[in-house]
Structure formats: structure tokens, C-alpha cells
Amino acid sequence: MMNITRRSFGKILGGTLSSTILGCASEIVPKTNRRVVIVGAGFGGMTAGNYIHQLDPSIEVIFIERNKQYVANPFSNEVLVGRRQIGDLTLTYPGSQGNKKFLHTEVTDINPNRQQVFTPQGRVSYDALILATGIDFSGTNIEGYDEKTTPLLFPHGWQGGEQTLLLQRQIQAMGDGGVIIVSIPKAPYRCPAGPYERVCLLAEYLKAQKPRSKLLVLDGNRDIVALPKQFKAVWQSRYPHQIEYLPDSTVVGIHGHTRSLITNDGSTYEGEVINLIPPQGAGPLARLAGLVEKNERWCAVNGQFESIHQPQIYVLGDAAKVGDMPKTAYGANVQGKLCALNVVAKLNNLAPMDFPLLNVCYGSIGTNEAISIAQVFRNEETSPFKLIPGAGSSSPLDMSLTHREYINGEGWLANMLAEFAETT
């Protein structure tokens, strides 16, 4: 990951840091009571804020989110092949209401000692801060990668919205006989099953619409990260002529003019459509606040989601290193609930709260078909959220439940979106 300093971060944000560093910024929302500030209003941040408000309505909750609409990532792979519209996954944030307020702006700095965050408009004080800022992409170890232009040429499609639509347009425009390359980074990354789900849906699409086309999968991991037996069974039985899978294939260089990728063994692969998913980590704001150790990618937290480096700052969702838990929307949602309990407990001088956390990953493998894995995690004395062996389950290899699991996944998404939009 890049080395982030206040000076370089200020340049990224157009120089807006200068006043905040000098401490000149005024309080834009006067603080009259206990307050929790939440930066990032995805599944984790929104869940935490909603539950804090329900648990203790006297606590003021302020969401700071740059966007006015949220585009969900789960099921966005279906948008690529025309089975779902981006509007189906788009929600408009509610307005401020009572003790829940929304500020649609950018956070430029954090002062953990004074318990303040800074925006271009001024500062916001807090008693507890929750960072749910998701992922940042890093092409540092990919020669020729440019953080602005490369995603436009080789879209990752790993954040819901324009990237998904850009990749969709490239796939639709590709001629029959073209090659799609899907490049998967080394784990951990957002949604472990997501790239392999994408391969399944693209293979089904190509088989029906562009049967002369192929899929080349360059996986930076030694094997399929999630549900390997199930995904391999699907690929071998349904798409043996559409998919070529190459493990241990880390992308180390790109050539935009020839639309090619170079892997760690020196091989070069050309594709008409290149879906380059870069390595990921917590964003520059987390590094600026001292939440990420040197040579690490994620924010280490304890069993209450409080940073081990900065008290009163909590991190959840994709940006956090939460024991053995994978980075999923389901996980962010349940983490948000436990985080909310612990924030409210601490602000009310109560003992920390704890309960096991369930995570479920759904992966679509075809039209109205999905596979899944369920896992349970718990806090232990030596480590937060360790996987409980034998406490979960995964789809049978005979694929006998794929339609039912797809229905379950649809129901889960509907519930998640409804809970996300909860405003009371």
C-alpha cells in the first residue's frame, strides 16, 4: 500500500487539510450531548448507526457519507449479464431526523486526541467514532498501473455503481470469439466468493450469447478461496470449454495499448475485456489516523471492534481485520450490531457485550441458482472472532439445493436492504 502522510492526503483531497491541521476549523454541528460519528454508511456503518439509535435514542448519531445514494455490492455480478438492474441495488439515504443526522461530505482528517473529525466545511466532535469506510485499491505492485486511468481501461467492478456498468458495457460490446480475463488478487479481499461467482455467471452468459468466446481466470491464490469443491464442480460439469483457470497467477504488470496482463511467472495474456481486481486494504483515512500498522493492509481491532491503536475509534466491515471473519456484506451487518451494543455499553459505563457472529456467503452459479457457506465465529482470550470448527455448513456437491439457496439469498438481500433503509 502507498505511504500516506497528512501532506500527501491533503493533495489527494485538493488541499483541504490545511485549515484542519492548523486547528482553525469551526464546529459545524454544535455538540450538546453524547455523540457517535460514523464515517461511511454502507451495510456496516448504517447498521451500527441504526442500532445505536434504537438502543439509546439519547445518543446523537451523525453519519458522514460523501454519496447521497448507496449502490449495494451483493448480487451486482448479475448486473453484468443483464439479469438485474443497477437500480434494483440502489438506495437513497434518508434525510436527517431527530438525533440521526446525515452530512454528505468528505472526511479529510481525524484528531484522535481531541476526538474530532474534519471536513472541508469544519470539524465534528465525537465521543465515539466508527469507521466503516470499506476498501481502497492498490496497484503499487503492478507495473504500469495508474489509479485513475487503469480502472477505466480494465475495470474492477468491485464497487457497486459506475464500475459495474462500465464492465457490463465492455462485456456486451465484445465480439463473439473474444477473451475475457478475470484477475483475482491474493486474499484477503472483499467478498471471497465474488470473483468465482462472476466467472460462473459470465460463463453462462458466453455459452448462450457468445459461444466462441472464452474466460481466462488468473488467480493470485493457490486455489479457489471460497467453496472450492463446489465451484470446480460447476465449472467442470457446465462450462468445460468456456473457462481456463490458472492458480498462482499474480498480475505484476499491465500493457494498456496491447490490452495485456503480465503474471509473476513472466507470462503475458491478452484479452478483449480485462477485469482486473487489484489488491485491497483499508483506505488512506484509516492510515492517516494511525489505525493500520506498517506493512499491514487492514485495521486491527479487539473483540468489541475498537481499534487496538486508538481508543474510542471503532472499525468494522471490509476495512477491519476481524479475526477469521471474511469481508462480506453479511459480516459487516452482524458486526455493526455487535459494535453498536459495545459503543452504547461504553458510553453508559456498562461491561462489554459479546456473542458469536454468523457469516453467510452466497454465490450465484447460474440463472436462479446459488451455493453458499455458513460459518460461526466467537471471541477467544487470545484472538477475536476465531472460526468455530464444525459450527457451519456448505452446499452439497450434488447441487441439489441450488434453487432453494438462490431464493434464500434473494430473501437475505431484501432483508438487508430493508434494514439498511430503516430510519426509526
Protein backbone atom coordinates (compact mmCIF):
# COMPACT_ATOMS: atom_id res chain seq x y z
CA MET A 1 0.00 0.00 0.00
CA MET A 2 1.15 3.59 -0.56
CA ASN A 3 2.72 5.57 2.26
CA ILE A 4 0.02 8.05 3.32
CA THR A 5 1.00 11.25 5.13
CA ARG A 6 -1.11 14.28 6.01
CA ARG A 7 0.71 16.23 3.30
CA SER A 8 0.05 13.65 0.56
CA PHE A 9 -3.52 13.05 1.74
CA GLY A 10 -4.15 16.78 1.60
CA LYS A 11 -3.01 16.82 -2.02
CA ILE A 12 -5.35 13.94 -2.80
CA LEU A 13 -8.28 15.95 -1.43
CA GLY A 14 -7.31 19.18 -3.12
CA GLY A 15 -5.51 20.83 -0.24
CA THR A 16 -8.48 20.84 2.14
CA LEU A 17 -6.31 19.69 5.04
CA SER A 18 -4.51 22.96 5.58
CA SER A 19 -7.09 24.56 7.85
CA THR A 20 -7.77 21.39 9.82
CA ILE A 21 -4.11 20.80 10.61
CA LEU A 22 -3.87 24.35 11.95
CA GLY A 23 -6.92 23.72 14.13
CA CYS A 24 -8.83 26.66 12.59
CA ALA A 25 -11.92 24.72 11.59
CA SER A 26 -15.15 25.63 13.35
CA GLU A 27 -17.64 23.14 14.77
CA ILE A 28 -20.27 22.63 12.07
CA VAL A 29 -22.70 20.67 14.26
CA PRO A 30 -22.63 22.00 17.85
CA LYS A 31 -22.34 19.15 20.34
CA THR A 32 -24.86 19.21 23.20
CA ASN A 33 -24.97 15.55 24.26
CA ARG A 34 -23.16 12.24 23.81
CA ARG A 35 -22.37 11.70 20.17
CA VAL A 36 -21.27 8.90 17.86
CA VAL A 37 -19.86 9.86 14.47
CA ILE A 38 -19.94 7.21 11.75
CA VAL A 39 -17.76 7.70 8.68
CA GLY A 40 -19.05 5.56 5.81
CA ALA A 41 -22.67 4.50 5.51
CA GLY A 42 -22.55 1.09 3.87
CA PHE A 43 -24.04 -2.06 5.36
CA GLY A 44 -21.75 -1.93 8.40
CA GLY A 45 -21.98 1.77 9.16
CA MET A 46 -25.72 2.10 8.59
CA THR A 47 -26.45 -0.97 10.70
CA ALA A 48 -24.32 0.30 13.56
CA GLY A 49 -25.94 3.73 13.48
CA ASN A 50 -29.48 2.41 13.30
CA TYR A 51 -28.91 0.04 16.22
CA ILE A 52 -27.20 2.68 18.37
CA HIS A 53 -30.25 4.89 17.83
CA GLN A 54 -32.62 2.07 18.75
CA LEU A 55 -30.63 1.04 21.83
CA ASP A 56 -30.21 4.56 23.23
CA PRO A 57 -32.11 7.33 21.41
CA SER A 58 -30.46 9.94 23.64
CA ILE A 59 -27.16 9.39 21.82
CA GLU A 60 -26.75 11.62 18.79
CA VAL A 61 -25.68 9.70 15.68
CA ILE A 62 -24.05 11.60 12.84
CA PHE A 63 -23.33 9.79 9.56
CA ILE A 64 -20.67 11.34 7.34
CA GLU A 65 -21.01 9.89 3.84
CA ARG A 66 -19.80 11.50 0.63
CA ASN A 67 -22.52 9.98 -1.58
CA LYS A 68 -26.25 10.67 -1.48
CA GLN A 69 -27.08 7.22 -2.84
CA TYR A 70 -25.75 3.79 -1.95
CA VAL A 71 -25.26 1.03 -4.53
CA ALA A 72 -25.06 -2.40 -2.91
CA ASN A 73 -22.38 -4.85 -3.99
CA PRO A 74 -24.18 -8.16 -3.26
CA PHE A 75 -25.77 -9.58 -6.42
CA SER A 76 -24.14 -6.86 -8.55
CA ASN A 77 -22.50 -9.58 -10.65
CA GLU A 78 -25.97 -10.26 -12.05
CA VAL A 79 -25.97 -6.73 -13.47
CA LEU A 80 -23.01 -7.67 -15.67
CA VAL A 81 -25.05 -10.28 -17.54
CA GLY A 82 -28.35 -8.38 -17.65
CA ARG A 83 -30.19 -10.37 -15.01
CA ARG A 84 -30.56 -7.44 -12.62
CA GLN A 85 -30.67 -3.67 -12.99
CA ILE A 86 -28.34 -1.37 -11.07
CA GLY A 87 -31.42 0.47 -9.83
CA ASP A 88 -32.50 -2.69 -8.01
CA LEU A 89 -29.43 -2.29 -5.80
CA THR A 90 -29.56 1.49 -5.36
CA LEU A 91 -30.86 3.20 -2.23
CA THR A 92 -31.19 6.90 -1.44
CA TYR A 93 -30.02 7.88 2.02
CA PRO A 94 -32.72 9.30 4.31
CA GLY A 95 -32.54 12.87 5.47
CA SER A 96 -31.61 13.96 8.98
CA GLN A 97 -34.28 13.18 11.51
CA GLY A 98 -34.12 13.93 15.23
CA ASN A 99 -30.97 12.52 16.77
CA LYS A 100 -29.88 10.87 13.49
CA LYS A 101 -28.17 13.26 11.12
CA PHE A 102 -26.50 12.91 7.71
CA LEU A 103 -23.64 15.03 6.42
CA HIS A 104 -22.86 14.37 2.77
CA THR A 105 -19.25 15.45 2.67
CA GLU A 106 -15.68 14.14 2.85
CA VAL A 107 -13.64 13.49 6.00
CA THR A 108 -10.20 14.99 5.49
CA ASP A 109 -8.56 14.35 8.86
CA ILE A 110 -9.04 12.80 12.29
CA ASN A 111 -7.63 14.04 15.59
CA PRO A 112 -7.95 11.05 17.97
CA ASN A 113 -6.62 13.02 20.95
CA ARG A 114 -9.24 15.77 20.67
CA GLN A 115 -11.86 13.31 19.39
CA GLN A 116 -12.64 15.33 16.30
CA VAL A 117 -13.04 14.63 12.60
CA PHE A 118 -12.54 17.31 9.97
CA THR A 119 -14.37 18.06 6.73
CA PRO A 120 -13.96 20.88 4.20
CA GLN A 121 -16.85 22.62 5.99
CA GLY A 122 -15.38 22.34 9.50
CA ARG A 123 -14.93 19.91 12.39
CA VAL A 124 -17.27 17.47 14.10
CA SER A 125 -16.59 16.35 17.67
CA TYR A 126 -17.38 12.87 18.92
CA ASP A 127 -17.45 10.65 22.00
CA ALA A 128 -17.04 7.55 19.86
CA LEU A 129 -16.05 7.28 16.20
CA ILE A 130 -16.92 4.37 13.92
CA LEU A 131 -15.02 3.97 10.65
CA ALA A 132 -16.86 1.85 8.11
CA THR A 133 -15.08 3.18 5.06
CA GLY A 134 -14.77 -0.05 3.09
CA ILE A 135 -11.84 -0.86 0.84
CA ASP A 136 -9.19 1.00 -1.09
CA PHE A 137 -7.39 -0.40 -4.14
CA SER A 138 -3.63 -0.57 -4.52
CA GLY A 139 -1.75 -1.11 -7.77
CA THR A 140 1.62 -0.42 -6.15
CA ASN A 141 2.98 -3.85 -7.06
CA ILE A 142 1.57 -3.82 -10.59
CA GLU A 143 3.95 -2.18 -13.08
CA GLY A 144 2.15 0.26 -15.35
CA TYR A 145 -0.89 0.58 -13.08
CA ASP A 146 -2.37 4.06 -12.75
CA GLU A 147 -5.02 4.52 -10.07
CA LYS A 148 -7.06 6.90 -12.24
CA THR A 149 -6.78 5.53 -15.78
CA THR A 150 -6.33 1.78 -15.31
CA PRO A 151 -9.78 1.17 -13.75
CA LEU A 152 -11.31 2.88 -16.77
CA LEU A 153 -9.43 0.64 -19.20
CA PHE A 154 -9.51 -2.57 -17.14
CA PRO A 155 -12.50 -2.09 -14.78
CA HIS A 156 -12.54 -3.96 -11.49
CA GLY A 157 -16.30 -3.83 -11.00
CA TRP A 158 -15.65 -4.32 -7.29
CA GLN A 159 -17.58 -1.29 -6.06
CA GLY A 160 -21.25 -1.03 -6.92
CA GLY A 161 -22.12 1.70 -9.40
CA GLU A 162 -20.29 3.08 -12.41
CA GLN A 163 -17.54 0.45 -12.33
CA THR A 164 -20.15 -2.29 -12.58
CA LEU A 165 -21.83 -0.55 -15.51
CA LEU A 166 -18.51 0.08 -17.28
CA LEU A 167 -17.58 -3.59 -17.08
CA GLN A 168 -21.08 -4.53 -18.26
CA ARG A 169 -20.75 -2.30 -21.33
CA GLN A 170 -17.38 -3.79 -22.24
CA ILE A 171 -18.72 -7.34 -21.94
CA GLN A 172 -21.76 -6.55 -24.08
CA ALA A 173 -19.63 -4.84 -26.75
CA MET A 174 -17.18 -7.74 -27.03
CA GLY A 175 -17.50 -9.77 -30.20
CA ASP A 176 -18.18 -13.50 -30.27
CA GLY A 177 -14.79 -15.15 -30.01
CA GLY A 178 -13.27 -12.55 -27.69
CA VAL A 179 -11.48 -13.43 -24.46
CA ILE A 180 -12.46 -12.11 -21.03
CA ILE A 181 -9.72 -12.15 -18.40
CA VAL A 182 -10.71 -12.11 -14.72
CA SER A 183 -7.78 -11.35 -12.42
CA ILE A 184 -8.23 -12.23 -8.73
CA PRO A 185 -5.94 -10.72 -6.05
CA LYS A 186 -4.43 -12.61 -3.16
CA ALA A 187 -6.75 -12.94 -0.17
CA PRO A 188 -7.95 -11.27 1.93
CA TYR A 189 -10.15 -9.13 -0.28
CA ARG A 190 -13.80 -8.05 -0.34
CA CYS A 191 -16.27 -10.94 -0.86
CA PRO A 192 -14.16 -14.12 -1.16
CA ALA A 193 -16.72 -15.95 -3.31
CA GLY A 194 -17.41 -12.94 -5.54
CA PRO A 195 -14.82 -13.46 -8.30
CA TYR A 196 -15.75 -17.11 -8.73
CA GLU A 197 -19.45 -16.26 -8.79
CA ARG A 198 -18.63 -13.72 -11.50
CA VAL A 199 -16.84 -16.40 -13.53
CA CYS A 200 -19.89 -18.68 -13.32
CA LEU A 201 -22.31 -16.00 -14.47
CA LEU A 202 -20.02 -14.82 -17.27
CA ALA A 203 -19.51 -18.40 -18.45
CA GLU A 204 -23.27 -18.97 -18.57
CA TYR A 205 -23.69 -15.72 -20.49
CA LEU A 206 -20.94 -16.53 -23.00
CA LYS A 207 -22.20 -20.06 -23.55
CA ALA A 208 -25.62 -18.71 -24.51
CA GLN A 209 -24.75 -15.40 -26.22
CA LYS A 210 -21.13 -15.65 -27.45
CA PRO A 211 -20.31 -19.36 -27.63
CA ARG A 212 -16.95 -18.88 -29.35
CA SER A 213 -15.66 -16.71 -26.50
CA LYS A 214 -13.53 -17.87 -23.58
CA LEU A 215 -12.86 -16.94 -19.96
CA LEU A 216 -9.33 -16.88 -18.59
CA VAL A 217 -9.09 -16.75 -14.79
CA LEU A 218 -5.78 -15.54 -13.34
CA ASP A 219 -5.96 -16.30 -9.62
CA GLY A 220 -3.28 -14.91 -7.33
CA ASN A 221 -4.18 -17.61 -4.80
CA ARG A 222 -3.08 -21.24 -4.81
CA ASP A 223 -6.67 -22.42 -5.07
CA ILE A 224 -10.21 -21.10 -5.17
CA VAL A 225 -10.61 -19.15 -1.92
CA ALA A 226 -14.28 -19.90 -1.14
CA LEU A 227 -16.26 -23.09 -1.79
CA PRO A 228 -13.51 -24.58 -4.00
CA LYS A 229 -15.08 -28.02 -4.46
CA GLN A 230 -18.45 -26.57 -5.35
CA PHE A 231 -17.18 -24.01 -7.84
CA LYS A 232 -14.87 -26.53 -9.50
CA ALA A 233 -17.76 -28.97 -9.84
CA VAL A 234 -19.86 -26.30 -11.56
CA TRP A 235 -17.08 -25.24 -13.92
CA GLN A 236 -16.16 -28.79 -14.91
CA SER A 237 -19.71 -30.01 -15.43
CA ARG A 238 -21.25 -26.96 -17.10
CA TYR A 239 -18.51 -24.86 -18.66
CA PRO A 240 -15.55 -27.10 -19.50
CA HIS A 241 -14.91 -25.28 -22.79
CA GLN A 242 -15.55 -21.74 -21.56
CA ILE A 243 -13.21 -21.49 -18.54
CA GLU A 244 -9.45 -21.81 -18.21
CA TYR A 245 -8.33 -21.49 -14.58
CA LEU A 246 -4.71 -20.64 -13.70
CA PRO A 247 -3.91 -20.57 -9.95
CA ASP A 248 -0.78 -18.94 -8.52
CA SER A 249 -1.05 -16.29 -11.23
CA THR A 250 -0.47 -12.87 -9.69
CA VAL A 251 -0.63 -9.88 -12.02
CA VAL A 252 2.61 -7.89 -11.74
CA GLY A 253 2.35 -5.70 -14.84
CA ILE A 254 -0.03 -4.35 -17.45
CA HIS A 255 0.20 -3.06 -21.02
CA GLY A 256 -2.76 -0.86 -21.83
CA HIS A 257 -2.02 -0.45 -25.55
CA THR A 258 -1.97 -4.23 -26.14
CA ARG A 259 -4.69 -4.97 -23.55
CA SER A 260 -2.48 -7.48 -21.79
CA LEU A 261 -1.52 -8.59 -18.28
CA ILE A 262 1.85 -9.94 -17.12
CA THR A 263 1.91 -12.51 -14.32
CA ASN A 264 4.53 -13.45 -11.74
CA ASP A 265 5.99 -16.23 -13.93
CA GLY A 266 6.63 -13.81 -16.80
CA SER A 267 3.69 -14.93 -18.93
CA THR A 268 1.67 -12.39 -20.92
CA TYR A 269 -2.07 -12.75 -21.53
CA GLU A 270 -4.18 -10.64 -23.88
CA GLY A 271 -7.92 -10.12 -23.58
CA GLU A 272 -10.61 -8.10 -25.28
CA VAL A 273 -12.17 -7.47 -21.86
CA ILE A 274 -9.90 -7.38 -18.82
CA ASN A 275 -11.49 -7.44 -15.38
CA LEU A 276 -8.53 -6.52 -13.18
CA ILE A 277 -9.44 -6.70 -9.48
CA PRO A 278 -6.49 -5.08 -7.66
CA PRO A 279 -5.20 -5.91 -4.17
CA GLN A 280 -7.16 -4.15 -1.44
CA GLY A 281 -6.73 -2.64 2.00
CA ALA A 282 -8.16 -0.06 4.37
CA GLY A 283 -8.28 3.42 2.87
CA PRO A 284 -5.94 6.38 3.39
CA LEU A 285 -8.09 7.89 6.15
CA ALA A 286 -7.53 4.84 8.36
CA ARG A 287 -3.79 5.07 7.80
CA LEU A 288 -3.81 8.79 8.47
CA ALA A 289 -5.46 8.14 11.84
CA GLY A 290 -2.82 5.57 12.80
CA LEU A 291 -5.17 2.59 12.65
CA VAL A 292 -3.08 0.47 10.26
CA GLU A 293 0.31 -0.91 11.25
CA LYS A 294 3.27 -0.55 8.91
CA ASN A 295 3.34 -3.27 6.22
CA GLU A 296 -0.26 -4.22 7.08
CA ARG A 297 -3.36 -3.62 4.97
CA TRP A 298 -6.20 -3.63 7.49
CA CYS A 299 -7.23 -2.04 10.81
CA ALA A 300 -6.64 -4.39 13.74
CA VAL A 301 -9.49 -4.36 16.29
CA ASN A 302 -10.39 -6.10 19.53
CA GLY A 303 -13.48 -8.18 20.22
CA GLN A 304 -15.60 -5.04 20.59
CA PHE A 305 -14.38 -3.63 17.22
CA GLU A 306 -12.37 -0.93 18.97
CA SER A 307 -9.02 -0.16 17.37
CA ILE A 308 -6.08 -1.66 19.23
CA HIS A 309 -4.14 1.52 18.39
CA GLN A 310 -6.66 4.31 19.04
CA PRO A 311 -9.25 4.13 21.86
CA GLN A 312 -12.74 5.43 21.13
CA ILE A 313 -12.30 4.63 17.43
CA TYR A 314 -14.13 1.55 16.18
CA VAL A 315 -13.63 -0.08 12.78
CA LEU A 316 -15.92 -2.63 11.17
CA GLY A 317 -16.73 -4.15 7.82
CA ASP A 318 -14.23 -4.52 4.99
CA ALA A 319 -11.66 -2.10 6.46
CA ALA A 320 -11.24 -4.14 9.66
CA LYS A 321 -9.14 -7.18 10.42
CA VAL A 322 -11.75 -9.16 12.35
CA GLY A 323 -10.07 -12.43 13.26
CA ASP A 324 -11.01 -15.22 10.87
CA MET A 325 -14.13 -13.49 9.52
CA PRO A 326 -14.21 -12.90 5.75
CA LYS A 327 -15.02 -9.49 4.32
CA THR A 328 -18.68 -9.70 3.31
CA ALA A 329 -21.82 -7.57 3.44
CA TYR A 330 -23.40 -10.19 5.70
CA GLY A 331 -20.42 -9.93 8.03
CA ALA A 332 -20.50 -6.12 8.05
CA ASN A 333 -24.16 -6.22 9.01
CA VAL A 334 -23.71 -8.52 12.01
CA GLN A 335 -20.53 -6.71 13.04
CA GLY A 336 -22.49 -3.45 13.01
CA LYS A 337 -24.97 -4.86 15.51
CA LEU A 338 -22.34 -6.07 17.98
CA CYS A 339 -20.34 -2.88 17.53
CA ALA A 340 -23.45 -0.82 18.31
CA LEU A 341 -24.02 -2.78 21.52
CA ASN A 342 -20.46 -2.16 22.64
CA VAL A 343 -20.45 1.53 21.78
CA VAL A 344 -23.68 2.07 23.73
CA ALA A 345 -22.36 -0.02 26.61
CA LYS A 346 -19.15 2.00 26.84
CA LEU A 347 -20.94 5.34 26.66
CA ASN A 348 -23.19 4.16 29.50
CA ASN A 349 -20.31 2.75 31.60
CA LEU A 350 -21.50 -0.84 31.16
CA ALA A 351 -19.47 -4.01 30.66
CA PRO A 352 -18.53 -5.04 27.09
CA MET A 353 -21.05 -7.14 25.18
CA ASP A 354 -20.28 -10.33 23.30
CA PHE A 355 -22.00 -13.03 21.25
CA PRO A 356 -20.94 -15.36 18.41
CA LEU A 357 -21.24 -13.94 14.90
CA LEU A 358 -22.67 -15.79 11.91
CA ASN A 359 -21.45 -15.15 8.39
CA VAL A 360 -23.09 -16.50 5.24
CA CYS A 361 -21.70 -16.15 1.71
CA TYR A 362 -23.99 -16.77 -1.26
CA GLY A 363 -22.53 -17.31 -4.71
CA SER A 364 -24.72 -17.39 -7.82
CA ILE A 365 -23.70 -20.14 -10.22
CA GLY A 366 -26.38 -19.70 -12.89
CA THR A 367 -29.88 -18.43 -13.53
CA ASN A 368 -31.79 -18.66 -10.24
CA GLU A 369 -29.13 -20.94 -8.74
CA ALA A 370 -26.67 -20.35 -5.92
CA ILE A 371 -24.36 -22.10 -3.49
CA SER A 372 -23.47 -20.94 0.00
CA ILE A 373 -21.29 -21.38 3.05
CA ALA A 374 -22.26 -20.54 6.64
CA GLN A 375 -19.65 -20.09 9.38
CA VAL A 376 -19.75 -19.08 13.05
CA PHE A 377 -17.08 -17.06 14.87
CA ARG A 378 -16.53 -16.24 18.53
CA ASN A 379 -14.18 -14.19 20.66
CA GLU A 380 -11.39 -16.05 22.42
CA GLU A 381 -8.93 -14.80 25.00
CA THR A 382 -6.02 -14.85 22.58
CA SER A 383 -7.78 -13.67 19.42
CA PRO A 384 -11.04 -12.01 18.35
CA PHE A 385 -13.55 -13.94 16.30
CA LYS A 386 -11.99 -17.31 15.70
CA LEU A 387 -13.79 -19.77 13.45
CA ILE A 388 -15.72 -22.40 15.43
CA PRO A 389 -14.92 -25.75 13.76
CA GLY A 390 -17.98 -27.74 12.78
CA ALA A 391 -20.44 -24.95 13.57
CA GLY A 392 -21.28 -24.12 9.96
CA SER A 393 -22.25 -25.80 6.72
CA SER A 394 -21.80 -25.51 2.96
CA SER A 395 -23.71 -26.54 -0.15
CA PRO A 396 -23.77 -30.22 -1.12
CA LEU A 397 -21.63 -31.16 -4.10
CA ASP A 398 -24.58 -32.73 -5.93
CA MET A 399 -26.05 -29.22 -6.38
CA SER A 400 -29.43 -30.46 -5.19
CA LEU A 401 -30.30 -27.25 -3.30
CA THR A 402 -29.12 -24.57 -5.71
CA HIS A 403 -32.56 -23.11 -6.48
CA ARG A 404 -33.58 -23.05 -2.82
CA GLU A 405 -30.29 -21.40 -1.89
CA TYR A 406 -30.82 -18.75 -4.54
CA ILE A 407 -34.24 -17.98 -3.04
CA ASN A 408 -32.64 -17.79 0.40
CA GLY A 409 -30.04 -15.38 -0.95
CA GLU A 410 -32.72 -13.20 -2.54
CA GLY A 411 -34.58 -13.10 0.77
CA TRP A 412 -31.42 -12.18 2.62
CA LEU A 413 -30.71 -9.32 0.21
CA ALA A 414 -34.26 -7.99 0.53
CA ASN A 415 -34.00 -8.05 4.33
CA MET A 416 -30.59 -6.37 4.23
CA LEU A 417 -31.83 -3.56 2.01
CA ALA A 418 -34.91 -3.07 4.19
CA GLU A 419 -32.80 -2.95 7.35
CA PHE A 420 -30.37 -0.59 5.65
CA ALA A 421 -33.19 1.84 4.91
CA GLU A 422 -34.59 1.69 8.48
CA THR A 423 -35.00 5.24 9.74
CA THR A 424 -36.84 4.88 13.05
